[in-house]
């Protein structure tokens, strides 16, 4: 019975996502719908179309901007602090799995490991970048297009590459 309920919830969430992510929905209506189902959105949040949001375990701070096609699995808690800007097709992942000591590396019955992701105030994440589970992107960072952030960053730096590494320090006024 619990399995049926879990599958029904997942189906209903996918239905909700197909509505909220539609290009026919204005971003103000999208914000209203997300608040309605329990997501935390501060004032000034703009979320454009085709953004997949995996659960309500996500917090959008003031004046966060999420461009088209972004993906949040939201398995674990995900927080985007004030003024965060996400370019198109950014992926924020907070769920992972253990691997097995066998040629079959992942057992489908294994539980999801949920690790929080935090993107602190003022960060800008470029097009197609990916932030992996358990990572904190510190205040004032720029993550270059296509970068894969696999570990915490230090504040006010430009990061690029796969895996992302600090390319330079950014000035702070």
Foldseek 3Di string as FASTA:
>chain_A
DVVVVVVVVQVVLVVLQVVLQDQVDAQVVSVVSLVVQQAAEDPQEGAHHLEAAQDNLEHEEHNEYHDHNEYENPPAREYEYAQEYEEHHEYEYFWDFAFDPDPRTDDPPTDIDGAYEYEYPNEYEYACEYEYHNEYEDAQEYEYHNEYDDHYDDYQFYWYDVPTDGDGGHDDD
